[in-house]
Amino acid sequence: MANNENNQGQQIQIEIPTEEMQGRYSNLAMITHGPNDFFIDMILMGPNMPKGRVQSRIIMTPENAKQLMFALQQNIQKYEQTFGEIKPKAPVINNNTVIDFPLPKGKA
C-alpha cells in the first residue's frame, strides 16, 4: 500500500519506439483466458483473405484486464460527450471469445 501512495504523485514516463508510432489496425479480436492471464489477440481480417492475421497480442493479469475494461468505458463516455453517441452495429461474438467488428461493405 505504501508504494501506491508514493507513486500517486509521480509522473509516468512512456517511450514509444519509432516502429510502433503508426500503430496497428484491427477489425477482429479474440479473447481467451486461463486462471492467471488474459490473452487479447487483435486480428486483421480482410475481404478475400482466407485467414486473419494477428496484428498484436496483449497478455495481462485478470486485474489489469478489468482495469482496461473500466478505462475503455470511461474513455467511451468522454468520446460520446464530445462527438456524440456511438451507434455500433452488433458485433458477432463466437463462443464468447471472438469479437468481429462489422465493417461497412465496400462498393466498386
C-alpha atoms as a PDB file:
ATOM      1  CA  MET A   1       0.000   0.000   0.000  1.00  0.00           C
ATOM      2  CA  ALA A   2       2.861   2.372   0.745  1.00  0.00           C
ATOM      3  CA  ASN A   3       4.145   2.027  -2.817  1.00  0.00           C
ATOM      4  CA  ASN A   4       0.766   3.118  -4.220  1.00  0.00           C
ATOM      5  CA  GLU A   5       0.777   6.205  -2.013  1.00  0.00           C
ATOM      6  CA  ASN A   6       4.333   7.093  -3.033  1.00  0.00           C
ATOM      7  CA  ASN A   7       3.649   6.548  -6.759  1.00  0.00           C
ATOM      8  CA  GLN A   8       0.482   8.676  -6.898  1.00  0.00           C
ATOM      9  CA  GLY A   9       2.458  11.927  -7.139  1.00  0.00           C
ATOM     10  CA  GLN A  10       4.944  10.642  -9.716  1.00  0.00           C
ATOM     11  CA  GLN A  11       4.543  11.223 -13.435  1.00  0.00           C
ATOM     12  CA  ILE A  12       4.862   8.155 -15.647  1.00  0.00           C
ATOM     13  CA  GLN A  13       7.385   8.414 -18.476  1.00  0.00           C
ATOM     14  CA  ILE A  14       6.454   6.417 -21.596  1.00  0.00           C
ATOM     15  CA  GLU A  15       8.543   5.916 -24.715  1.00  0.00           C
ATOM     16  CA  ILE A  16       7.046   4.664 -27.990  1.00  0.00           C
ATOM     17  CA  PRO A  17       9.574   3.083 -30.341  1.00  0.00           C
ATOM     18  CA  THR A  18       9.545   4.614 -33.826  1.00  0.00           C
ATOM     19  CA  GLU A  19       8.339   1.365 -35.442  1.00  0.00           C
ATOM     20  CA  GLU A  20       5.272   1.410 -33.136  1.00  0.00           C
ATOM     21  CA  MET A  21       4.255   5.028 -33.814  1.00  0.00           C
ATOM     22  CA  GLN A  22       1.978   4.149 -36.726  1.00  0.00           C
ATOM     23  CA  GLY A  23       0.063   1.574 -34.708  1.00  0.00           C
ATOM     24  CA  ARG A  24      -1.763  -1.486 -35.980  1.00  0.00           C
ATOM     25  CA  TYR A  25      -5.278  -1.679 -37.406  1.00  0.00           C
ATOM     26  CA  SER A  26      -7.561  -4.457 -36.191  1.00  0.00           C
ATOM     27  CA  ASN A  27     -11.129  -5.367 -37.102  1.00  0.00           C
ATOM     28  CA  LEU A  28     -11.365  -8.607 -35.130  1.00  0.00           C
ATOM     29  CA  ALA A  29     -10.464  -9.504 -31.540  1.00  0.00           C
ATOM     30  CA  MET A  30     -10.076 -12.886 -29.896  1.00  0.00           C
ATOM     31  CA  ILE A  31     -10.009 -13.006 -26.112  1.00  0.00           C
ATOM     32  CA  THR A  32      -9.049 -16.109 -24.156  1.00  0.00           C
ATOM     33  CA  HIS A  33      -8.007 -16.605 -20.560  1.00  0.00           C
ATOM     34  CA  GLY A  34      -6.579 -19.013 -18.059  1.00  0.00           C
ATOM     35  CA  PRO A  35      -6.576 -18.740 -14.286  1.00  0.00           C
ATOM     36  CA  ASN A  36      -3.723 -16.194 -14.244  1.00  0.00           C
ATOM     37  CA  ASP A  37      -3.745 -14.367 -17.591  1.00  0.00           C
ATOM     38  CA  PHE A  38      -5.952 -12.828 -20.275  1.00  0.00           C
ATOM     39  CA  PHE A  39      -4.785 -13.066 -23.899  1.00  0.00           C
ATOM     40  CA  ILE A  40      -6.136 -10.448 -26.290  1.00  0.00           C
ATOM     41  CA  ASP A  41      -5.313 -11.059 -29.947  1.00  0.00           C
ATOM     42  CA  MET A  42      -6.013  -8.115 -32.230  1.00  0.00           C
ATOM     43  CA  ILE A  43      -6.568  -9.507 -35.736  1.00  0.00           C
ATOM     44  CA  LEU A  44      -6.858  -8.075 -39.236  1.00  0.00           C
ATOM     45  CA  MET A  45      -9.322  -9.886 -41.483  1.00  0.00           C
ATOM     46  CA  GLY A  46      -9.951  -8.537 -44.944  1.00  0.00           C
ATOM     47  CA  PRO A  47     -12.166  -9.325 -47.893  1.00  0.00           C
ATOM     48  CA  ASN A  48     -10.917 -12.285 -49.927  1.00  0.00           C
ATOM     49  CA  MET A  49      -8.410 -13.141 -47.193  1.00  0.00           C
ATOM     50  CA  PRO A  50      -8.547 -16.870 -46.421  1.00  0.00           C
ATOM     51  CA  LYS A  51      -7.028 -16.279 -42.965  1.00  0.00           C
ATOM     52  CA  GLY A  52      -6.900 -13.467 -40.458  1.00  0.00           C
ATOM     53  CA  ARG A  53      -3.520 -12.241 -39.240  1.00  0.00           C
ATOM     54  CA  VAL A  54      -2.744 -11.403 -35.616  1.00  0.00           C
ATOM     55  CA  GLN A  55      -1.509  -7.811 -35.572  1.00  0.00           C
ATOM     56  CA  SER A  56      -0.755  -7.734 -31.861  1.00  0.00           C
ATOM     57  CA  ARG A  57      -1.121  -9.988 -28.823  1.00  0.00           C
ATOM     58  CA  ILE A  58      -1.551  -8.465 -25.389  1.00  0.00           C
ATOM     59  CA  ILE A  59      -1.174 -10.631 -22.292  1.00  0.00           C
ATOM     60  CA  MET A  60      -2.289  -9.238 -18.945  1.00  0.00           C
ATOM     61  CA  THR A  61      -3.395 -10.238 -15.475  1.00  0.00           C
ATOM     62  CA  PRO A  62      -7.133 -10.539 -14.732  1.00  0.00           C
ATOM     63  CA  GLU A  63      -6.895  -7.428 -12.546  1.00  0.00           C
ATOM     64  CA  ASN A  64      -5.288  -5.423 -15.353  1.00  0.00           C
ATOM     65  CA  ALA A  65      -7.877  -6.728 -17.839  1.00  0.00           C
ATOM     66  CA  LYS A  66     -10.641  -5.411 -15.595  1.00  0.00           C
ATOM     67  CA  GLN A  67      -8.833  -2.070 -15.225  1.00  0.00           C
ATOM     68  CA  LEU A  68      -8.603  -1.909 -19.030  1.00  0.00           C
ATOM     69  CA  MET A  69     -12.362  -2.529 -19.253  1.00  0.00           C
ATOM     70  CA  PHE A  70     -13.044   0.366 -16.855  1.00  0.00           C
ATOM     71  CA  ALA A  71     -10.620   2.645 -18.736  1.00  0.00           C
ATOM     72  CA  LEU A  72     -12.349   1.837 -22.054  1.00  0.00           C
ATOM     73  CA  GLN A  73     -15.770   2.552 -20.530  1.00  0.00           C
ATOM     74  CA  GLN A  74     -14.561   5.899 -19.182  1.00  0.00           C
ATOM     75  CA  ASN A  75     -12.959   6.892 -22.482  1.00  0.00           C
ATOM     76  CA  ILE A  76     -16.030   5.888 -24.500  1.00  0.00           C
ATOM     77  CA  GLN A  77     -18.151   8.107 -22.239  1.00  0.00           C
ATOM     78  CA  LYS A  78     -15.745  11.035 -22.774  1.00  0.00           C
ATOM     79  CA  TYR A  79     -15.725  10.414 -26.538  1.00  0.00           C
ATOM     80  CA  GLU A  80     -19.532  10.390 -26.698  1.00  0.00           C
ATOM     81  CA  GLN A  81     -19.757  13.610 -24.661  1.00  0.00           C
ATOM     82  CA  THR A  82     -17.517  15.297 -27.225  1.00  0.00           C
ATOM     83  CA  PHE A  83     -18.540  13.673 -30.520  1.00  0.00           C
ATOM     84  CA  GLY A  84     -21.973  12.152 -29.876  1.00  0.00           C
ATOM     85  CA  GLU A  85     -23.269   8.669 -29.257  1.00  0.00           C
ATOM     86  CA  ILE A  86     -21.517   5.767 -30.905  1.00  0.00           C
ATOM     87  CA  LYS A  87     -24.168   3.603 -32.565  1.00  0.00           C
ATOM     88  CA  PRO A  88     -22.357   0.393 -33.421  1.00  0.00           C
ATOM     89  CA  LYS A  89     -23.757  -2.482 -35.348  1.00  0.00           C
ATOM     90  CA  ALA A  90     -23.991  -5.508 -33.085  1.00  0.00           C
ATOM     91  CA  PRO A  91     -20.663  -7.348 -33.059  1.00  0.00           C
ATOM     92  CA  VAL A  92     -20.635 -11.012 -33.915  1.00  0.00           C
ATOM     93  CA  ILE A  93     -19.431 -12.982 -30.905  1.00  0.00           C
ATOM     94  CA  ASN A  94     -18.486 -16.614 -31.479  1.00  0.00           C
ATOM     95  CA  ASN A  95     -18.043 -18.938 -28.480  1.00  0.00           C
ATOM     96  CA  ASN A  96     -17.637 -15.901 -26.187  1.00  0.00           C
ATOM     97  CA  THR A  97     -14.060 -15.412 -27.409  1.00  0.00           C
ATOM     98  CA  VAL A  98     -14.104 -13.814 -30.873  1.00  0.00           C
ATOM     99  CA  ILE A  99     -15.432 -10.316 -31.452  1.00  0.00           C
ATOM    100  CA  ASP A 100     -15.903  -9.482 -35.123  1.00  0.00           C
ATOM    101  CA  PHE A 101     -16.112  -5.710 -35.589  1.00  0.00           C
ATOM    102  CA  PRO A 102     -18.536  -5.302 -38.522  1.00  0.00           C
ATOM    103  CA  LEU A 103     -17.193  -3.112 -41.312  1.00  0.00           C
ATOM    104  CA  PRO A 104     -19.199  -1.215 -43.890  1.00  0.00           C
ATOM    105  CA  LYS A 105     -19.352  -3.108 -47.166  1.00  0.00           C
ATOM    106  CA  GLY A 106     -17.267  -1.579 -49.944  1.00  0.00           C
ATOM    107  CA  LYS A 107     -18.778  -0.617 -53.268  1.00  0.00           C
ATOM    108  CA  ALA A 108     -16.962  -0.791 -56.568  1.00  0.00           C
END
